Amino acid sequence: MPHLLLSGRPVADALLESLKADIKKLDPKLVVVQVGDDPASASYIKQKLKSCESVGLRHEHKHLNEKTTLDELMSMIGELNADEDVTGFIVQLPLPKALQSHVPEVIRAIDPKKDIDGFGAYNIGKMFLSVEFEHLPPATPSGVIEMLKFYKIPIEGKHAVIVGRSNIVGKPLAIMLLNRGATVTVCNSKTKNLAEITRQADILCSAVGSPKMITKDMVKAGAVVIDIGVSRVDGKLCGDVDFDAVSEVASAITPVPGGVGPMTVASLIRNCVTAKKRQMSAE
């Protein structure tokens, strides 16, 4: 079956282009906080800063060392919350091992008006209540929705199956799809007969980080497959989906890299612009 390749680059480019005028007019500023030297984090941050550069968005990278304490990180978050020149900021995950158990606490400390990752309770709650224009949505799920819209893939009335229930991708994506009229099933590591469930999907999304776990026999003919997982195998980036095999049955599929990744960064920048507009209207 010939498949449609759902490349994220043209979608991200179109979204970023649409933001340039507002960025020039509003002059927002985005800050990325990195703790430690995780190689994957360094790569993601490089992409984010490069995209900021391409659209003229002011940005700053605050790089703290591996031994940074919770108090030191919280102090920096407090400073960024109070700095009126900073429109929005993200704390790049994962944090070093010593801080990993404090991630919920760190996210809670971020001012909801500056939470451009959209991970905090305020923004998630507004999304859950379908208050579309009062929250900053999590960037990766928001990018998936933007991609489906760009490629004119209908959501309403479709059965969407999501493999993975993380607070930053799986759960918010489920809410976004529900809000747009899909019937949604969310699977996790305890799900029995996973393949039986994934074969029912009109739209199959995987966000686990397990290389090539979604195989051809788990996908029904004509399904749309969105691969959100990212792993590294033999030094190369790889998704959750066995791309070559699944491409034979899917009607549309995202590649890794080059699929959802560029959309995450573009959605983050859109959130920064949205945050600036709201901050100005509240003055």
Protein backbone atom coordinates (compact mmCIF):
# COMPACT_ATOMS: atom_id res chain seq x y z
CA MET A 1 0.00 0.00 0.00
CA PRO A 2 1.48 3.40 -0.96
CA HIS A 3 1.73 5.52 2.17
CA LEU A 4 1.75 9.26 2.85
CA LEU A 5 4.95 10.30 4.62
CA LEU A 6 3.99 12.67 7.44
CA SER A 7 7.11 14.81 7.55
CA GLY A 8 7.12 17.32 10.38
CA ARG A 9 9.49 19.76 8.70
CA PRO A 10 7.02 21.46 6.27
CA VAL A 11 4.41 21.69 9.05
CA ALA A 12 6.91 23.19 11.49
CA ASP A 13 8.24 25.59 8.84
CA ALA A 14 4.72 26.82 8.05
CA LEU A 15 3.93 27.30 11.75
CA LEU A 16 7.21 29.12 12.45
CA GLU A 17 6.72 31.35 9.40
CA SER A 18 3.26 32.32 10.69
CA LEU A 19 4.82 33.40 14.03
CA LYS A 20 7.57 35.67 12.64
CA ALA A 21 5.50 38.87 12.48
CA ASP A 22 4.29 38.48 16.08
CA ILE A 23 7.81 37.69 17.28
CA LYS A 24 9.16 40.85 15.63
CA LYS A 25 6.32 42.96 17.05
CA LEU A 26 6.11 41.51 20.58
CA ASP A 27 9.79 40.66 21.18
CA PRO A 28 9.25 37.68 23.55
CA LYS A 29 12.12 35.86 25.24
CA LEU A 30 12.48 32.12 25.84
CA VAL A 31 14.88 30.60 28.38
CA VAL A 32 16.01 26.95 28.44
CA VAL A 33 17.34 25.62 31.76
CA GLN A 34 19.56 22.55 31.51
CA VAL A 35 20.88 20.66 34.53
CA GLY A 36 23.74 18.26 33.82
CA ASP A 37 25.09 17.00 30.51
CA ASP A 38 22.62 14.41 29.20
CA PRO A 39 23.62 13.97 25.49
CA ALA A 40 20.01 13.65 24.25
CA SER A 41 19.05 16.81 26.16
CA ALA A 42 21.99 18.68 24.63
CA SER A 43 20.81 17.64 21.16
CA TYR A 44 17.19 18.71 21.81
CA ILE A 45 18.31 22.05 23.26
CA LYS A 46 20.49 22.69 20.22
CA GLN A 47 17.44 22.16 17.97
CA LYS A 48 15.33 24.51 20.10
CA LEU A 49 17.90 27.29 20.10
CA LYS A 50 18.48 26.89 16.36
CA SER A 51 14.73 27.28 15.71
CA CYS A 52 14.61 30.35 18.00
CA GLU A 53 17.49 31.81 15.97
CA SER A 54 15.69 31.13 12.67
CA VAL A 55 12.62 33.17 13.65
CA GLY A 56 14.42 35.95 15.53
CA LEU A 57 13.17 34.89 18.96
CA ARG A 58 15.34 36.13 21.84
CA HIS A 59 16.62 33.17 23.79
CA GLU A 60 19.00 32.19 26.57
CA HIS A 61 20.48 28.85 27.61
CA LYS A 62 21.19 28.51 31.34
CA HIS A 63 23.37 25.43 31.85
CA LEU A 64 23.74 24.23 35.44
CA ASN A 65 26.17 21.49 36.42
CA GLU A 66 25.29 17.90 37.34
CA LYS A 67 25.71 18.56 41.07
CA THR A 68 23.18 21.41 41.20
CA THR A 69 20.97 21.03 44.29
CA LEU A 70 17.19 21.26 44.37
CA ASP A 71 17.43 24.54 46.30
CA GLU A 72 19.72 26.02 43.64
CA LEU A 73 17.40 24.94 40.83
CA MET A 74 14.33 26.27 42.67
CA SER A 75 16.13 29.56 43.26
CA MET A 76 16.75 29.92 39.53
CA ILE A 77 13.10 29.10 38.76
CA GLY A 78 12.06 31.79 41.24
CA GLU A 79 14.32 34.32 39.50
CA LEU A 80 12.91 33.44 36.07
CA ASN A 81 9.33 33.66 37.39
CA ALA A 82 10.07 37.18 38.69
CA ASP A 83 12.01 38.43 35.65
CA GLU A 84 9.58 40.48 33.55
CA ASP A 85 11.88 40.25 30.53
CA VAL A 86 11.48 36.44 30.44
CA THR A 87 8.27 35.47 28.62
CA GLY A 88 8.52 31.74 29.20
CA PHE A 89 10.99 29.06 30.14
CA ILE A 90 11.44 25.33 30.22
CA VAL A 91 13.42 23.05 32.51
CA GLN A 92 14.79 20.41 30.16
CA LEU A 93 14.01 16.85 31.23
CA PRO A 94 15.33 14.40 32.29
CA LEU A 95 17.00 15.92 35.34
CA PRO A 96 20.09 14.23 36.84
CA LYS A 97 19.42 11.15 38.97
CA ALA A 98 19.64 13.03 42.29
CA LEU A 99 16.83 15.38 41.19
CA GLN A 100 14.57 12.99 39.26
CA SER A 101 12.21 12.34 42.18
CA HIS A 102 11.66 16.11 42.46
CA VAL A 103 10.38 16.64 38.88
CA PRO A 104 6.72 17.20 39.99
CA GLU A 105 7.93 19.76 42.54
CA VAL A 106 10.05 21.53 39.90
CA ILE A 107 7.15 21.70 37.43
CA ARG A 108 4.82 23.02 40.14
CA ALA A 109 7.27 25.85 40.87
CA ILE A 110 7.02 27.27 37.33
CA ASP A 111 4.63 30.22 36.97
CA PRO A 112 1.69 28.90 34.86
CA LYS A 113 1.87 32.05 32.71
CA LYS A 114 5.47 31.15 31.80
CA ASP A 115 5.01 27.36 31.60
CA ILE A 116 5.55 27.10 27.85
CA ASP A 117 6.11 23.33 28.10
CA GLY A 118 2.48 23.18 29.33
CA PHE A 119 3.31 20.55 31.97
CA GLY A 120 1.89 22.28 35.05
CA ALA A 121 -1.44 21.54 36.74
CA TYR A 122 -3.02 24.85 35.68
CA ASN A 123 -2.41 24.34 31.95
CA ILE A 124 -3.24 20.62 32.04
CA GLY A 125 -6.44 21.37 34.00
CA LYS A 126 -7.59 24.02 31.51
CA MET A 127 -6.95 21.57 28.68
CA PHE A 128 -8.89 18.84 30.50
CA LEU A 129 -11.85 21.23 30.82
CA SER A 130 -11.64 22.00 27.08
CA VAL A 131 -10.86 25.67 27.75
CA GLU A 132 -9.05 25.90 24.42
CA PHE A 133 -7.87 29.51 24.53
CA GLU A 134 -6.86 29.82 28.17
CA HIS A 135 -3.97 27.41 28.44
CA LEU A 136 -0.53 26.67 27.04
CA PRO A 137 -0.80 23.09 25.70
CA PRO A 138 2.02 20.54 26.09
CA ALA A 139 4.24 21.00 23.05
CA THR A 140 4.57 17.44 21.70
CA PRO A 141 0.85 16.49 21.78
CA SER A 142 0.03 19.93 20.39
CA GLY A 143 2.48 19.26 17.55
CA VAL A 144 0.78 15.94 16.77
CA ILE A 145 -2.62 17.66 16.49
CA GLU A 146 -1.12 20.39 14.27
CA MET A 147 0.37 17.72 12.02
CA LEU A 148 -2.93 15.85 11.63
CA LYS A 149 -4.60 19.16 10.78
CA PHE A 150 -1.92 20.10 8.22
CA TYR A 151 -2.23 16.78 6.38
CA LYS A 152 -6.06 16.95 6.56
CA ILE A 153 -6.35 13.71 8.54
CA PRO A 154 -9.78 13.64 10.23
CA ILE A 155 -9.97 13.03 13.98
CA GLU A 156 -13.68 13.28 14.69
CA GLY A 157 -15.37 9.88 14.84
CA LYS A 158 -12.07 7.98 14.56
CA HIS A 159 -10.72 5.41 17.02
CA ALA A 160 -7.35 6.63 18.30
CA VAL A 161 -5.13 4.23 20.23
CA ILE A 162 -2.23 5.67 22.23
CA VAL A 163 0.54 3.40 23.49
CA GLY A 164 2.13 5.17 26.47
CA ARG A 165 0.50 7.12 29.29
CA SER A 166 3.13 9.65 30.35
CA ASN A 167 2.05 12.98 31.82
CA ILE A 168 3.88 14.88 29.10
CA VAL A 169 2.71 13.01 25.97
CA GLY A 170 0.28 10.09 26.32
CA LYS A 171 -2.26 11.54 28.76
CA PRO A 172 -2.45 15.08 27.30
CA LEU A 173 -2.62 13.70 23.75
CA ALA A 174 -5.56 11.52 24.82
CA ILE A 175 -7.38 14.60 26.16
CA MET A 176 -6.68 16.61 22.99
CA LEU A 177 -8.01 13.81 20.77
CA LEU A 178 -11.08 13.39 23.01
CA ASN A 179 -11.72 17.13 22.80
CA ARG A 180 -11.74 16.78 19.00
CA GLY A 181 -14.29 13.98 18.87
CA ALA A 182 -12.14 10.85 18.72
CA THR A 183 -12.83 7.66 20.65
CA VAL A 184 -9.60 7.12 22.57
CA THR A 185 -7.97 4.02 24.07
CA VAL A 186 -4.80 4.46 26.12
CA CYS A 187 -2.50 1.45 26.55
CA ASN A 188 0.37 0.97 28.99
CA SER A 189 2.91 -1.63 30.08
CA LYS A 190 0.19 -3.60 31.92
CA THR A 191 -2.17 -3.76 28.91
CA LYS A 192 -3.06 -7.33 27.94
CA ASN A 193 -3.31 -8.37 24.28
CA LEU A 194 -1.78 -5.08 23.09
CA ALA A 195 -1.72 -6.09 19.42
CA GLU A 196 -5.47 -6.84 19.46
CA ILE A 197 -6.12 -3.29 20.65
CA THR A 198 -3.65 -1.51 18.35
CA ARG A 199 -5.15 -3.34 15.35
CA GLN A 200 -8.44 -1.52 16.04
CA ALA A 201 -6.86 1.92 15.64
CA ASP A 202 -7.69 4.32 12.83
CA ILE A 203 -5.00 6.57 14.33
CA LEU A 204 -2.22 4.75 16.21
CA CYS A 205 0.17 6.86 18.32
CA SER A 206 3.14 5.36 20.16
CA ALA A 207 5.09 7.28 22.81
CA VAL A 208 7.05 4.67 24.74
CA GLY A 209 10.71 4.92 23.74
CA SER A 210 11.04 1.22 22.91
CA PRO A 211 12.73 0.70 19.51
CA LYS A 212 10.57 -0.92 16.80
CA MET A 213 8.05 -2.34 19.30
CA ILE A 214 5.13 -1.53 16.96
CA THR A 215 5.35 -4.19 14.28
CA LYS A 216 3.43 -4.71 11.04
CA ASP A 217 1.06 -7.29 12.56
CA MET A 218 -0.05 -4.71 15.19
CA VAL A 219 -1.38 -2.24 12.61
CA LYS A 220 -4.55 -2.54 10.56
CA ALA A 221 -4.44 -1.77 6.85
CA GLY A 222 -5.03 1.92 6.18
CA ALA A 223 -4.24 3.17 9.70
CA VAL A 224 -2.48 6.47 10.33
CA VAL A 225 0.64 5.85 12.45
CA ILE A 226 2.22 8.59 14.57
CA ASP A 227 5.59 7.61 16.03
CA ILE A 228 6.44 9.84 19.02
CA GLY A 229 9.00 7.56 20.67
CA VAL A 230 12.70 8.26 20.27
CA SER A 231 15.53 5.85 21.07
CA ARG A 232 19.13 5.48 19.97
CA VAL A 233 20.20 2.18 18.40
CA ASP A 234 23.81 1.77 17.26
CA GLY A 235 24.22 5.53 17.45
CA LYS A 236 21.21 6.25 15.23
CA LEU A 237 17.84 7.72 16.19
CA CYS A 238 15.01 5.21 16.02
CA GLY A 239 11.29 5.33 16.79
CA ASP A 240 8.82 2.97 18.46
CA VAL A 241 7.58 1.83 15.05
CA ASP A 242 9.25 -0.66 12.69
CA PHE A 243 9.04 1.97 9.95
CA ASP A 244 9.84 -0.07 6.83
CA ALA A 245 7.48 -2.95 7.67
CA VAL A 246 4.61 -0.81 9.02
CA SER A 247 4.85 1.49 5.97
CA GLU A 248 3.57 -1.45 3.91
CA VAL A 249 0.17 -1.37 5.66
CA ALA A 250 -0.24 2.19 6.98
CA SER A 251 -1.97 4.85 4.89
CA ALA A 252 0.20 7.54 6.52
CA ILE A 253 3.20 7.38 8.86
CA THR A 254 5.68 9.72 10.56
CA PRO A 255 9.42 9.08 10.22
CA VAL A 256 11.94 9.23 13.08
CA PRO A 257 13.80 11.54 12.94
CA GLY A 258 11.98 14.29 11.05
CA GLY A 259 8.40 13.54 12.08
CA VAL A 260 6.99 14.75 15.39
CA GLY A 261 10.33 16.21 16.61
CA PRO A 262 10.29 19.45 14.56
CA MET A 263 6.65 19.98 15.59
CA THR A 264 7.51 19.86 19.29
CA VAL A 265 9.98 22.73 18.90
CA ALA A 266 7.61 24.80 16.73
CA SER A 267 4.77 24.30 19.23
CA LEU A 268 7.05 25.42 22.06
CA ILE A 269 7.83 28.66 20.20
CA ARG A 270 4.12 29.19 19.50
CA ASN A 271 3.44 28.82 23.24
CA CYS A 272 6.07 31.49 23.94
CA VAL A 273 4.32 33.91 21.57
CA THR A 274 0.91 33.06 23.08
CA ALA A 275 2.30 33.61 26.59
CA LYS A 276 3.63 37.04 25.58
CA LYS A 277 0.23 38.09 24.18
CA ARG A 278 -1.53 37.05 27.38
CA GLN A 279 1.01 38.75 29.61
CA MET A 280 0.60 42.00 27.66
CA SER A 281 -3.21 41.86 27.74
CA ALA A 282 -3.11 41.32 31.53
CA GLU A 283 -1.03 44.46 32.13
